[in-house]
């Protein structure tokens, strides 16, 4: 489960602490069992950090992602989705 614990973003002072535990459900037949919850946790926290910094969440992500394919994917997805930069949480 620790493979997806490391976020794709590169920060100057990144520290990742992992405490693996026995799964509640036997997951040997599942693929990517930890990827979904780990990614959700990473990206939710990125939104909180961007808000605390007063920066648009997409802009914040692009500052710290150095993988060209990933940054291009973020940009093109934002464009196709009609992303509007904002610094406050969006009301749903």
Foldseek 3Di string as FASTA:
>chain_A
DCPQLDDQFDDPDDDTDDDDDDDPDPCPVPPPPPNVVNVVVVLVVLLVVQLVVQFFSLVSRLVGHDPVVVNVVSVVVCVVVVPDGGNDDDDD
